[in-house]
């Protein structure tokens, strides 16, 4: 079965126009049709995301991404369980060897409560239990996740704000301890993200060959 990204929002490393260098956002269906160099459906139904390090970025960063996000926001209380599950592999990673591969993002703020990284062969987590917490608490979920290897990743969030992040690769598995979001998050709107978000700033000297590529083989989003 093909991975369905048609109704998701894709943030691309493509500029909005020749006069507006900010990253273009559009639906998954439009991205597949218009920009196959960065979002491509493969023959087996997987979707390939490509993010050159040097490209268009959002207004607040100099870091590129090719990232899907949910098009409809949600509150913690809107469902008993909120789940973001991806099965993917990283075929190429930028020269810093660090990319964000999944997030639980919050509307209107640059500091999400949950951010998951592939970091030099390990899956790591940044967690902010309080909305006003500037620096996240960092931990390692799973080591030994090499490039070119399929792995699975899940973010599970309950209506009470209990978060668990887990990953599996080559028969090995790892999980965070249950992490509690405090009630400062209760009034906020969230959306899940996934794909690749380069953790390296670009400049005029950044080689055109630098960048990241991932292939998503399965994608499941649930709120129930």
N, C-alpha and C. Protein backbone atom coordinates (compact mmCIF):
# COMPACT_ATOMS: atom_id res chain seq x y z
N UNK A 1 0.85 -1.20 0.00
CA UNK A 1 0.00 0.00 0.00
C UNK A 1 0.88 1.25 0.00
N UNK A 2 0.52 2.21 -0.82
CA UNK A 2 1.30 3.43 -0.93
C UNK A 2 1.13 4.31 0.30
N UNK A 3 2.16 5.02 0.65
CA UNK A 3 2.09 6.02 1.73
C UNK A 3 1.26 7.20 1.22
N UNK A 4 0.25 7.57 1.97
CA UNK A 4 -0.67 8.63 1.55
C UNK A 4 -0.30 9.94 2.24
N UNK A 5 0.26 10.86 1.46
CA UNK A 5 0.58 12.19 2.00
C UNK A 5 -0.25 13.28 1.35
N UNK A 6 -1.24 12.90 0.54
CA UNK A 6 -1.97 13.87 -0.28
C UNK A 6 -2.52 15.04 0.52
N UNK A 7 -3.11 14.76 1.69
CA UNK A 7 -3.78 15.81 2.46
C UNK A 7 -2.91 16.40 3.57
N UNK A 8 -1.65 15.96 3.64
CA UNK A 8 -0.72 16.56 4.60
C UNK A 8 -0.13 17.84 4.00
N UNK A 9 0.43 18.67 4.87
CA UNK A 9 1.14 19.87 4.41
C UNK A 9 2.63 19.57 4.33
N UNK A 10 3.24 19.90 3.21
CA UNK A 10 4.67 19.66 3.01
C UNK A 10 5.40 20.99 3.01
N UNK A 11 6.40 21.11 3.89
CA UNK A 11 7.31 22.26 3.85
C UNK A 11 8.53 21.84 3.06
N UNK A 12 8.79 22.54 1.97
CA UNK A 12 9.83 22.14 1.02
C UNK A 12 11.07 23.04 1.15
N UNK A 13 12.19 22.60 0.57
CA UNK A 13 13.37 23.47 0.47
C UNK A 13 13.34 24.36 -0.77
N UNK A 14 12.14 24.52 -1.36
CA UNK A 14 11.95 25.32 -2.56
C UNK A 14 11.41 26.69 -2.18
N UNK A 15 11.95 27.75 -2.76
CA UNK A 15 11.48 29.10 -2.46
C UNK A 15 10.08 29.34 -3.00
N UNK A 16 9.34 30.22 -2.32
CA UNK A 16 7.98 30.53 -2.77
C UNK A 16 7.95 31.17 -4.14
N UNK A 17 8.96 31.99 -4.43
CA UNK A 17 9.05 32.62 -5.75
C UNK A 17 10.47 33.14 -5.93
N UNK A 18 10.73 33.71 -7.10
CA UNK A 18 12.06 34.26 -7.37
C UNK A 18 12.35 35.48 -6.52
N UNK A 19 11.32 36.11 -5.98
CA UNK A 19 11.49 37.30 -5.15
C UNK A 19 11.20 37.04 -3.67
N UNK A 20 10.74 35.85 -3.34
CA UNK A 20 10.42 35.50 -1.95
C UNK A 20 11.15 34.21 -1.60
N UNK A 21 12.25 34.30 -0.82
CA UNK A 21 13.08 33.13 -0.58
C UNK A 21 12.58 32.19 0.52
N UNK A 22 11.44 32.51 1.13
CA UNK A 22 10.91 31.69 2.22
C UNK A 22 10.43 30.34 1.66
N UNK A 23 10.58 29.29 2.46
CA UNK A 23 10.22 27.93 2.03
C UNK A 23 8.75 27.82 1.65
N UNK A 24 8.51 27.17 0.53
CA UNK A 24 7.16 26.96 0.03
C UNK A 24 6.49 25.83 0.79
N UNK A 25 5.24 26.06 1.20
CA UNK A 25 4.40 25.02 1.79
C UNK A 25 3.23 24.74 0.86
N UNK A 26 2.91 23.47 0.69
CA UNK A 26 1.80 23.08 -0.15
C UNK A 26 1.34 21.69 0.23
N UNK A 27 0.26 21.23 -0.34
CA UNK A 27 -0.26 19.92 0.02
C UNK A 27 0.65 18.82 -0.51
N UNK A 28 0.53 17.64 0.07
CA UNK A 28 1.32 16.52 -0.40
C UNK A 28 1.04 16.19 -1.84
N UNK A 29 -0.23 16.25 -2.25
CA UNK A 29 -0.58 15.96 -3.64
C UNK A 29 0.09 16.95 -4.58
N UNK A 30 0.11 18.23 -4.21
CA UNK A 30 0.75 19.24 -5.05
C UNK A 30 2.26 19.05 -5.08
N UNK A 31 2.84 18.71 -3.94
CA UNK A 31 4.29 18.51 -3.88
C UNK A 31 4.72 17.36 -4.78
N UNK A 32 3.98 16.26 -4.73
CA UNK A 32 4.31 15.11 -5.57
C UNK A 32 4.21 15.46 -7.05
N UNK A 33 3.24 16.27 -7.40
CA UNK A 33 3.02 16.64 -8.79
C UNK A 33 4.01 17.66 -9.30
N UNK A 34 4.33 18.66 -8.46
CA UNK A 34 5.10 19.81 -8.93
C UNK A 34 6.60 19.72 -8.66
N UNK A 35 6.98 19.01 -7.61
CA UNK A 35 8.39 19.04 -7.20
C UNK A 35 8.93 17.63 -6.94
N UNK A 36 8.97 16.78 -7.97
CA UNK A 36 9.45 15.40 -7.77
C UNK A 36 10.92 15.32 -7.38
N UNK A 37 11.68 16.40 -7.56
CA UNK A 37 13.07 16.38 -7.13
C UNK A 37 13.20 16.37 -5.61
N UNK A 38 12.16 16.85 -4.91
CA UNK A 38 12.24 16.89 -3.45
C UNK A 38 11.22 15.97 -2.78
N UNK A 39 10.09 15.67 -3.45
CA UNK A 39 9.09 14.75 -2.91
C UNK A 39 8.68 13.81 -4.04
N UNK A 40 9.00 12.53 -3.87
CA UNK A 40 8.80 11.59 -4.98
C UNK A 40 8.16 10.30 -4.46
N UNK A 41 7.14 9.82 -5.17
CA UNK A 41 6.57 8.51 -4.90
C UNK A 41 7.40 7.46 -5.63
N UNK A 42 7.93 6.49 -4.88
CA UNK A 42 8.75 5.43 -5.47
C UNK A 42 7.87 4.28 -5.95
N UNK A 43 8.47 3.38 -6.71
CA UNK A 43 7.70 2.30 -7.32
C UNK A 43 7.02 1.40 -6.30
N UNK A 44 7.62 1.27 -5.11
CA UNK A 44 7.04 0.38 -4.09
C UNK A 44 6.01 1.09 -3.21
N UNK A 45 5.67 2.35 -3.53
CA UNK A 45 4.68 3.08 -2.75
C UNK A 45 5.26 3.90 -1.62
N UNK A 46 6.58 3.81 -1.40
CA UNK A 46 7.24 4.66 -0.42
C UNK A 46 7.35 6.08 -0.96
N UNK A 47 7.58 7.03 -0.07
CA UNK A 47 7.77 8.42 -0.48
C UNK A 47 9.16 8.88 -0.07
N UNK A 48 9.89 9.45 -1.03
CA UNK A 48 11.23 9.97 -0.78
C UNK A 48 11.18 11.47 -0.57
N UNK A 49 11.82 11.92 0.51
CA UNK A 49 11.93 13.34 0.84
C UNK A 49 13.40 13.74 0.74
N UNK A 50 13.67 14.84 0.03
CA UNK A 50 15.03 15.32 -0.18
C UNK A 50 15.14 16.77 0.27
N UNK A 51 16.15 17.07 1.09
CA UNK A 51 16.35 18.43 1.57
C UNK A 51 17.82 18.81 1.43
N UNK A 52 18.21 19.49 0.35
CA UNK A 52 19.57 20.03 0.29
C UNK A 52 19.79 20.99 1.45
N UNK A 53 21.00 21.00 1.99
CA UNK A 53 21.28 21.89 3.12
C UNK A 53 21.13 23.35 2.71
N UNK A 54 21.52 23.67 1.51
CA UNK A 54 21.37 25.03 1.01
C UNK A 54 20.11 25.12 0.16
N UNK A 55 19.14 25.88 0.63
CA UNK A 55 17.87 26.01 -0.06
C UNK A 55 17.00 27.01 0.65
N UNK A 56 15.72 26.93 0.42
CA UNK A 56 14.79 27.85 1.07
C UNK A 56 14.48 27.35 2.47
N UNK A 57 14.33 28.29 3.40
CA UNK A 57 14.03 27.96 4.79
C UNK A 57 12.93 28.88 5.29
N UNK A 58 12.46 28.62 6.51
CA UNK A 58 11.43 29.49 7.09
C UNK A 58 12.05 30.81 7.50
N UNK A 59 11.22 31.77 7.86
CA UNK A 59 11.70 33.10 8.20
C UNK A 59 12.63 33.11 9.40
N UNK A 60 12.43 32.17 10.33
CA UNK A 60 13.13 32.23 11.61
C UNK A 60 14.43 31.42 11.63
N UNK A 61 14.76 30.69 10.54
CA UNK A 61 15.94 29.84 10.55
C UNK A 61 16.73 29.98 9.25
N UNK A 62 17.92 29.39 9.25
CA UNK A 62 18.70 29.17 8.03
C UNK A 62 18.95 27.67 7.89
N UNK A 63 17.90 26.90 8.18
CA UNK A 63 17.96 25.45 8.09
C UNK A 63 16.82 24.95 7.21
N UNK A 64 17.14 24.07 6.30
CA UNK A 64 16.16 23.59 5.34
C UNK A 64 15.49 22.31 5.82
N UNK A 65 14.35 22.04 5.22
CA UNK A 65 13.62 20.83 5.56
C UNK A 65 12.81 20.36 4.36
N UNK A 66 12.49 19.10 4.38
CA UNK A 66 11.45 18.54 3.53
C UNK A 66 10.62 17.70 4.48
N UNK A 67 9.57 18.30 4.97
CA UNK A 67 8.89 17.79 6.16
C UNK A 67 7.38 17.81 5.96
N UNK A 68 6.71 16.73 6.32
CA UNK A 68 5.25 16.72 6.32
C UNK A 68 4.73 17.18 7.68
N UNK A 69 3.55 17.74 7.69
CA UNK A 69 2.87 18.07 8.95
C UNK A 69 1.37 17.88 8.75
N UNK A 70 0.69 17.61 9.84
CA UNK A 70 -0.76 17.47 9.78
C UNK A 70 -1.39 18.80 9.41
N UNK A 71 -2.45 18.73 8.64
CA UNK A 71 -3.13 19.94 8.19
C UNK A 71 -4.20 20.42 9.15
N UNK A 72 -4.58 19.56 10.10
CA UNK A 72 -5.59 19.90 11.10
C UNK A 72 -4.95 19.81 12.48
N UNK A 73 -4.99 20.90 13.23
CA UNK A 73 -4.43 20.92 14.58
C UNK A 73 -5.36 20.23 15.58
N UNK A 74 -4.82 19.88 16.74
CA UNK A 74 -5.61 19.20 17.75
C UNK A 74 -5.13 19.60 19.15
N UNK A 75 -6.03 19.46 20.11
CA UNK A 75 -5.69 19.65 21.51
C UNK A 75 -5.49 18.29 22.18
N UNK A 76 -4.77 18.28 23.27
CA UNK A 76 -4.57 17.03 24.00
C UNK A 76 -5.90 16.39 24.34
N UNK A 77 -6.86 17.20 24.76
CA UNK A 77 -8.15 16.69 25.23
C UNK A 77 -9.07 16.20 24.13
N UNK A 78 -8.68 16.38 22.86
CA UNK A 78 -9.57 16.04 21.75
C UNK A 78 -9.67 14.55 21.48
N UNK A 79 -8.75 13.75 22.03
CA UNK A 79 -8.79 12.29 21.87
C UNK A 79 -8.02 11.66 23.01
N UNK A 80 -8.34 10.41 23.29
CA UNK A 80 -7.65 9.71 24.38
C UNK A 80 -6.19 9.47 24.06
N UNK A 81 -5.91 9.20 22.76
CA UNK A 81 -4.55 8.89 22.34
C UNK A 81 -4.24 9.58 21.02
N UNK A 82 -3.03 10.10 20.91
CA UNK A 82 -2.53 10.73 19.69
C UNK A 82 -1.24 10.00 19.31
N UNK A 83 -1.18 9.46 18.09
CA UNK A 83 -0.06 8.59 17.70
C UNK A 83 0.49 9.01 16.35
N UNK A 84 1.80 9.12 16.28
CA UNK A 84 2.55 9.38 15.05
C UNK A 84 3.54 8.23 14.89
N UNK A 85 3.31 7.39 13.88
CA UNK A 85 4.20 6.24 13.65
C UNK A 85 4.73 6.27 12.22
N UNK A 86 6.06 6.21 12.09
CA UNK A 86 6.71 6.17 10.79
C UNK A 86 7.65 4.96 10.72
N UNK A 87 7.69 4.33 9.56
CA UNK A 87 8.74 3.37 9.24
C UNK A 87 9.51 3.99 8.09
N UNK A 88 10.81 4.15 8.27
CA UNK A 88 11.60 4.93 7.31
C UNK A 88 13.05 4.50 7.32
N UNK A 89 13.77 5.03 6.38
CA UNK A 89 15.23 4.90 6.39
C UNK A 89 15.83 6.21 5.92
N UNK A 90 17.01 6.49 6.41
CA UNK A 90 17.78 7.66 5.97
C UNK A 90 18.84 7.18 4.98
N UNK A 91 18.77 7.67 3.76
CA UNK A 91 19.74 7.28 2.74
C UNK A 91 20.94 8.21 2.68
N UNK A 92 20.75 9.44 3.17
CA UNK A 92 21.83 10.43 3.15
C UNK A 92 21.56 11.44 4.26
N UNK A 93 22.63 11.92 4.90
CA UNK A 93 22.48 12.92 5.95
C UNK A 93 23.50 14.02 5.74
N UNK A 94 23.14 15.23 6.12
CA UNK A 94 24.01 16.39 5.96
C UNK A 94 25.34 16.23 6.68
N UNK A 95 26.26 17.14 6.44
CA UNK A 95 27.61 17.03 6.98
C UNK A 95 27.67 17.15 8.49
N UNK A 96 26.64 17.71 9.13
CA UNK A 96 26.58 17.73 10.59
C UNK A 96 26.09 16.41 11.16
N UNK A 97 25.55 15.55 10.29
CA UNK A 97 25.05 14.22 10.64
C UNK A 97 23.96 14.29 11.71
N UNK A 98 23.06 15.25 11.52
CA UNK A 98 21.96 15.41 12.48
C UNK A 98 20.75 15.99 11.75
N UNK A 99 19.60 15.30 11.90
CA UNK A 99 18.34 15.76 11.32
C UNK A 99 17.20 15.49 12.31
N UNK A 100 16.20 16.36 12.30
CA UNK A 100 14.95 16.07 12.99
C UNK A 100 14.14 15.16 12.10
N UNK A 101 13.59 14.08 12.66
CA UNK A 101 12.81 13.12 11.87
C UNK A 101 11.35 13.03 12.31
N UNK A 102 11.02 13.62 13.47
CA UNK A 102 9.62 13.62 13.92
C UNK A 102 9.46 14.69 14.98
N UNK A 103 8.26 15.28 15.05
CA UNK A 103 7.96 16.28 16.06
C UNK A 103 6.50 16.19 16.48
N UNK A 104 6.25 16.57 17.70
CA UNK A 104 4.93 17.02 18.13
C UNK A 104 5.07 18.52 18.28
N UNK A 105 4.52 19.26 17.31
CA UNK A 105 4.75 20.70 17.27
C UNK A 105 3.56 21.45 17.84
N UNK A 106 3.82 22.68 18.25
CA UNK A 106 2.78 23.52 18.84
C UNK A 106 2.57 24.73 17.95
N UNK A 107 1.32 25.11 17.75
CA UNK A 107 1.02 26.27 16.91
C UNK A 107 1.52 27.55 17.58
N UNK A 108 2.17 28.40 16.79
CA UNK A 108 2.52 29.73 17.26
C UNK A 108 3.78 29.82 18.09
N UNK A 109 4.61 28.76 18.08
CA UNK A 109 5.83 28.81 18.88
C UNK A 109 6.89 27.97 18.18
N UNK A 110 8.16 28.39 18.28
CA UNK A 110 9.25 27.66 17.64
C UNK A 110 9.80 26.53 18.51
N UNK A 111 9.28 26.38 19.74
CA UNK A 111 9.78 25.36 20.65
C UNK A 111 8.77 24.25 20.89
N UNK A 112 8.81 23.17 20.09
CA UNK A 112 7.85 22.08 20.26
C UNK A 112 8.11 21.31 21.54
N UNK A 113 7.07 20.67 22.10
CA UNK A 113 7.28 19.86 23.30
C UNK A 113 8.08 18.60 23.02
N UNK A 114 7.97 18.04 21.80
CA UNK A 114 8.65 16.78 21.47
C UNK A 114 9.34 16.93 20.12
N UNK A 115 10.64 16.68 20.12
CA UNK A 115 11.42 16.73 18.88
C UNK A 115 12.35 15.52 18.88
N UNK A 116 12.28 14.72 17.81
CA UNK A 116 13.06 13.48 17.72
C UNK A 116 14.10 13.63 16.61
N UNK A 117 15.33 13.25 16.90
CA UNK A 117 16.45 13.42 15.98
C UNK A 117 17.06 12.07 15.60
N UNK A 118 17.59 11.98 14.37
CA UNK A 118 18.63 11.02 14.04
C UNK A 118 19.92 11.81 14.20
N UNK A 119 20.78 11.34 15.10
CA UNK A 119 21.97 12.10 15.48
C UNK A 119 23.18 11.17 15.49
N UNK A 120 23.92 11.19 14.39
CA UNK A 120 25.16 10.40 14.28
C UNK A 120 24.91 8.92 14.58
N UNK A 121 23.82 8.39 14.05
CA UNK A 121 23.53 6.97 14.19
C UNK A 121 22.70 6.59 15.39
N UNK A 122 22.23 7.57 16.15
CA UNK A 122 21.37 7.30 17.30
C UNK A 122 20.06 8.08 17.15
N UNK A 123 19.00 7.56 17.76
CA UNK A 123 17.73 8.27 17.84
C UNK A 123 17.68 8.96 19.19
N UNK A 124 17.58 10.30 19.17
CA UNK A 124 17.59 11.06 20.41
C UNK A 124 16.34 11.92 20.51
N UNK A 125 16.07 12.39 21.70
CA UNK A 125 14.83 13.09 21.98
C UNK A 125 15.10 14.39 22.73
N UNK A 126 14.42 15.45 22.31
CA UNK A 126 14.36 16.69 23.07
C UNK A 126 12.94 16.89 23.57
N UNK A 127 12.78 17.09 24.89
CA UNK A 127 11.44 17.15 25.50
C UNK A 127 11.32 18.39 26.38
N UNK A 128 10.22 19.12 26.20
CA UNK A 128 9.94 20.31 27.02
C UNK A 128 8.67 20.06 27.82
N UNK A 129 8.78 19.73 29.09
CA UNK A 129 7.58 19.46 29.89
C UNK A 129 6.72 20.70 30.16
N UNK A 130 7.34 21.89 30.12
CA UNK A 130 6.60 23.13 30.36
C UNK A 130 6.64 24.00 29.11
N UNK A 131 5.56 24.71 28.85
CA UNK A 131 5.49 25.56 27.67
C UNK A 131 6.57 26.64 27.69
N UNK A 132 6.86 27.17 28.86
CA UNK A 132 7.83 28.27 28.96
C UNK A 132 9.26 27.78 29.17
N UNK A 133 9.50 26.49 29.02
CA UNK A 133 10.85 25.95 29.19
C UNK A 133 11.65 26.21 27.92
N UNK A 134 12.74 26.95 28.05
CA UNK A 134 13.51 27.35 26.88
C UNK A 134 14.38 26.22 26.34
N UNK A 135 15.06 25.51 27.22
CA UNK A 135 15.99 24.45 26.83
C UNK A 135 15.37 23.09 27.10
N UNK A 136 15.28 22.23 26.09
CA UNK A 136 14.66 20.92 26.31
C UNK A 136 15.57 19.99 27.11
N UNK A 137 14.95 18.98 27.70
CA UNK A 137 15.69 17.89 28.32
C UNK A 137 15.99 16.86 27.24
N UNK A 138 17.25 16.43 27.15
CA UNK A 138 17.67 15.55 26.06
C UNK A 138 17.97 14.14 26.55
N UNK A 139 17.65 13.15 25.73
CA UNK A 139 17.92 11.76 26.08
C UNK A 139 18.10 10.94 24.81
N UNK A 140 18.66 9.75 24.94
CA UNK A 140 18.86 8.84 23.82
C UNK A 140 17.83 7.73 23.88
N UNK A 141 17.14 7.50 22.75
CA UNK A 141 16.12 6.45 22.68
C UNK A 141 16.71 5.13 22.20
N UNK A 142 17.55 5.20 21.14
CA UNK A 142 18.10 3.97 20.57
C UNK A 142 19.40 4.29 19.85
N UNK A 143 20.43 3.49 20.11
CA UNK A 143 21.70 3.61 19.40
C UNK A 143 21.76 2.55 18.29
N UNK A 144 22.72 2.70 17.39
CA UNK A 144 22.93 1.70 16.35
C UNK A 144 21.88 1.73 15.26
N UNK A 145 21.64 2.93 14.70
CA UNK A 145 20.68 3.09 13.59
C UNK A 145 21.47 3.68 12.41
N UNK A 146 22.09 2.84 11.60
CA UNK A 146 22.95 3.35 10.53
C UNK A 146 22.16 3.85 9.33
N UNK A 147 22.83 4.64 8.51
CA UNK A 147 22.23 5.07 7.25
C UNK A 147 21.88 3.85 6.40
N UNK A 148 20.80 3.99 5.64
CA UNK A 148 20.40 2.92 4.73
C UNK A 148 19.68 1.77 5.38
N UNK A 149 19.37 1.89 6.66
CA UNK A 149 18.70 0.82 7.40
C UNK A 149 17.30 1.25 7.80
N UNK A 150 16.33 0.38 7.58
CA UNK A 150 14.94 0.69 7.92
C UNK A 150 14.76 0.65 9.44
N UNK A 151 14.06 1.64 9.97
CA UNK A 151 13.71 1.64 11.39
C UNK A 151 12.32 2.22 11.56
N UNK A 152 11.73 1.95 12.72
CA UNK A 152 10.39 2.45 13.04
C UNK A 152 10.48 3.39 14.23
N UNK A 153 9.61 4.37 14.22
CA UNK A 153 9.61 5.41 15.25
C UNK A 153 8.16 5.76 15.59
N UNK A 154 7.89 5.87 16.89
CA UNK A 154 6.53 6.22 17.31
C UNK A 154 6.55 7.26 18.42
N UNK A 155 5.68 8.26 18.28
CA UNK A 155 5.38 9.21 19.34
C UNK A 155 3.95 8.93 19.77
N UNK A 156 3.77 8.64 21.06
CA UNK A 156 2.43 8.38 21.62
C UNK A 156 2.17 9.41 22.71
N UNK A 157 1.03 10.09 22.62
CA UNK A 157 0.68 11.14 23.57
C UNK A 157 -0.76 10.88 24.05
N UNK A 158 -0.96 10.87 25.35
CA UNK A 158 -2.31 10.66 25.88
C UNK A 158 -3.00 12.01 26.10
N UNK A 159 -4.30 11.95 26.31
CA UNK A 159 -5.07 13.17 26.57
C UNK A 159 -4.62 13.86 27.85
N UNK A 160 -3.98 13.10 28.75
CA UNK A 160 -3.46 13.64 30.01
C UNK A 160 -2.05 14.21 29.86
N UNK A 161 -1.51 14.19 28.63
CA UNK A 161 -0.18 14.74 28.40
C UNK A 161 0.96 13.81 28.72
N UNK A 162 0.69 12.50 28.76
CA UNK A 162 1.76 11.53 29.00
C UNK A 162 2.35 11.13 27.66
N UNK A 163 3.67 11.30 27.51
CA UNK A 163 4.35 11.10 26.23
C UNK A 163 5.31 9.92 26.33
N UNK A 164 5.29 9.06 25.30
CA UNK A 164 6.28 8.00 25.16
C UNK A 164 6.79 8.02 23.73
N UNK A 165 8.10 7.98 23.58
CA UNK A 165 8.74 7.91 22.26
C UNK A 165 9.51 6.60 22.20
N UNK A 166 9.28 5.81 21.14
CA UNK A 166 9.95 4.51 21.01
C UNK A 166 10.47 4.33 19.61
N UNK A 167 11.48 3.46 19.47
CA UNK A 167 12.08 3.18 18.17
C UNK A 167 12.56 1.75 18.13
N UNK A 168 12.56 1.16 16.92
CA UNK A 168 13.09 -0.19 16.71
C UNK A 168 13.94 -0.18 15.45
N UNK A 169 15.02 -1.00 15.46
CA UNK A 169 15.91 -1.11 14.30
C UNK A 169 16.71 -2.40 14.42
N UNK A 170 16.70 -3.20 13.37
CA UNK A 170 17.49 -4.43 13.33
C UNK A 170 17.25 -5.33 14.56
N UNK A 171 16.01 -5.40 15.01
CA UNK A 171 15.67 -6.26 16.14
C UNK A 171 15.89 -5.64 17.50
N UNK A 172 16.54 -4.50 17.54
CA UNK A 172 16.75 -3.80 18.81
C UNK A 172 15.67 -2.74 18.99
N UNK A 173 15.33 -2.45 20.23
CA UNK A 173 14.31 -1.45 20.50
C UNK A 173 14.70 -0.60 21.69
N UNK A 174 14.13 0.59 21.73
CA UNK A 174 14.37 1.49 22.85
C UNK A 174 13.17 2.39 23.04
N UNK A 175 13.02 2.89 24.25
CA UNK A 175 11.87 3.74 24.54
C UNK A 175 12.24 4.74 25.62
N UNK A 176 11.61 5.89 25.56
CA UNK A 176 11.74 6.85 26.64
C UNK A 176 10.98 6.33 27.86
N UNK A 177 11.31 6.83 29.01
CA UNK A 177 10.43 6.65 30.16
C UNK A 177 9.17 7.48 29.90
N UNK A 178 8.04 7.17 30.52
CA UNK A 178 6.86 8.03 30.35
C UNK A 178 7.18 9.45 30.80
N UNK A 179 6.90 10.40 29.93
CA UNK A 179 7.23 11.81 30.15
C UNK A 179 5.95 12.61 30.26
N UNK A 180 5.89 13.48 31.25
CA UNK A 180 4.64 14.20 31.53
C UNK A 180 4.72 15.66 31.09
N UNK A 181 3.78 16.05 30.21
CA UNK A 181 3.59 17.46 29.90
C UNK A 181 2.75 18.08 31.01
N UNK A 182 3.13 19.26 31.50
CA UNK A 182 2.33 19.88 32.54
C UNK A 182 1.13 20.62 31.93
N UNK A 183 0.29 21.16 32.80
CA UNK A 183 -0.98 21.73 32.30
C UNK A 183 -0.81 23.05 31.55
N UNK A 184 0.42 23.57 31.46
CA UNK A 184 0.64 24.78 30.66
C UNK A 184 0.44 24.52 29.17
N UNK A 185 0.41 23.25 28.76
CA UNK A 185 0.20 22.89 27.37
C UNK A 185 -1.28 22.68 27.03
N UNK A 186 -2.15 22.61 28.02
CA UNK A 186 -3.52 22.14 27.79
C UNK A 186 -4.32 22.98 26.81
N UNK A 187 -4.08 24.28 26.78
CA UNK A 187 -4.87 25.16 25.92
C UNK A 187 -4.31 25.28 24.50
N UNK A 188 -3.17 24.66 24.25
CA UNK A 188 -2.49 24.85 22.97
C UNK A 188 -2.92 23.83 21.92
N UNK A 189 -2.70 24.21 20.65
CA UNK A 189 -2.98 23.35 19.51
C UNK A 189 -1.69 22.73 18.99
N UNK A 190 -1.78 21.48 18.57
CA UNK A 190 -0.61 20.72 18.15
C UNK A 190 -0.82 20.12 16.77
N UNK A 191 0.30 19.74 16.14
CA UNK A 191 0.27 18.87 14.97
C UNK A 191 1.54 18.04 14.95
N UNK A 192 1.42 16.83 14.45
CA UNK A 192 2.60 15.98 14.27
C UNK A 192 3.33 16.37 12.99
N UNK A 193 4.65 16.21 13.02
CA UNK A 193 5.50 16.42 11.86
C UNK A 193 6.37 15.17 11.65
N UNK A 194 6.93 15.04 10.44
CA UNK A 194 7.90 13.99 10.16
C UNK A 194 8.63 14.28 8.87
N UNK A 195 9.58 13.42 8.54
CA UNK A 195 10.42 13.64 7.35
C UNK A 195 11.81 14.03 7.75
N UNK A 196 12.36 15.10 7.16
CA UNK A 196 13.73 15.52 7.48
C UNK A 196 13.80 17.05 7.61
N UNK A 197 14.49 17.46 8.67
CA UNK A 197 14.72 18.87 8.97
C UNK A 197 16.19 18.99 9.34
N UNK A 198 16.99 19.56 8.44
CA UNK A 198 18.44 19.61 8.64
C UNK A 198 18.81 20.45 9.86
N UNK A 199 19.74 19.93 10.66
CA UNK A 199 20.21 20.64 11.84
C UNK A 199 21.60 21.22 11.59
N UNK A 200 21.68 22.00 10.52
CA UNK A 200 22.90 22.69 10.15
C UNK A 200 22.51 23.94 9.38
N UNK A 201 23.11 25.07 9.73
CA UNK A 201 22.83 26.31 9.03
C UNK A 201 23.56 26.33 7.69
N UNK A 202 22.91 26.88 6.67
CA UNK A 202 23.56 27.02 5.38
C UNK A 202 24.15 28.43 5.25
N UNK A 203 25.12 28.55 4.35
CA UNK A 203 25.68 29.86 4.01
C UNK A 203 26.11 29.80 2.55
N UNK A 204 26.71 30.86 2.07
CA UNK A 204 27.08 30.93 0.65
C UNK A 204 28.12 29.89 0.26
N UNK A 205 28.86 29.37 1.25
CA UNK A 205 29.90 28.39 0.95
C UNK A 205 29.42 26.95 1.08
N UNK A 206 28.17 26.73 1.45
CA UNK A 206 27.66 25.38 1.62
C UNK A 206 27.64 24.64 0.28
N UNK A 207 28.26 23.46 0.19
CA UNK A 207 28.29 22.73 -1.09
C UNK A 207 26.89 22.32 -1.52
N UNK A 208 26.67 22.33 -2.81
CA UNK A 208 25.37 21.92 -3.34
C UNK A 208 25.07 20.46 -3.04
N UNK A 209 26.13 19.66 -2.83
CA UNK A 209 25.96 18.22 -2.58
C UNK A 209 25.54 17.92 -1.15
N UNK A 210 25.67 18.88 -0.25
CA UNK A 210 25.33 18.65 1.15
C UNK A 210 23.82 18.59 1.30
N UNK A 211 23.33 17.65 2.10
CA UNK A 211 21.89 17.55 2.30
C UNK A 211 21.49 16.20 2.86
N UNK A 212 20.19 15.97 2.94
CA UNK A 212 19.65 14.76 3.54
C UNK A 212 18.53 14.19 2.69
N UNK A 213 18.41 12.86 2.72
CA UNK A 213 17.36 12.16 1.99
C UNK A 213 16.80 11.06 2.88
N UNK A 214 15.47 10.99 2.99
CA UNK A 214 14.85 9.88 3.71
C UNK A 214 13.75 9.28 2.83
N UNK A 215 13.44 8.03 3.11
CA UNK A 215 12.35 7.33 2.43
C UNK A 215 11.40 6.82 3.51
N UNK A 216 10.15 7.27 3.44
CA UNK A 216 9.12 6.83 4.39
C UNK A 216 8.36 5.68 3.77
N UNK A 217 8.41 4.51 4.43
CA UNK A 217 7.77 3.30 3.90
C UNK A 217 6.35 3.12 4.47
N UNK A 218 6.15 3.56 5.70
CA UNK A 218 4.83 3.48 6.33
C UNK A 218 4.63 4.74 7.16
N UNK A 219 3.39 5.23 7.17
CA UNK A 219 3.05 6.41 7.97
C UNK A 219 1.65 6.23 8.51
N UNK A 220 1.55 6.28 9.83
CA UNK A 220 0.26 6.14 10.47
C UNK A 220 0.03 7.25 11.48
N UNK A 221 -1.10 7.96 11.37
CA UNK A 221 -1.45 9.03 12.28
C UNK A 221 -2.83 8.72 12.86
N UNK A 222 -2.92 8.73 14.19
CA UNK A 222 -4.19 8.36 14.83
C UNK A 222 -4.50 9.35 15.95
N UNK A 223 -5.78 9.67 16.06
CA UNK A 223 -6.30 10.47 17.18
C UNK A 223 -7.63 9.82 17.57
N UNK A 224 -7.59 9.00 18.62
CA UNK A 224 -8.80 8.24 18.96
C UNK A 224 -8.79 7.82 20.43
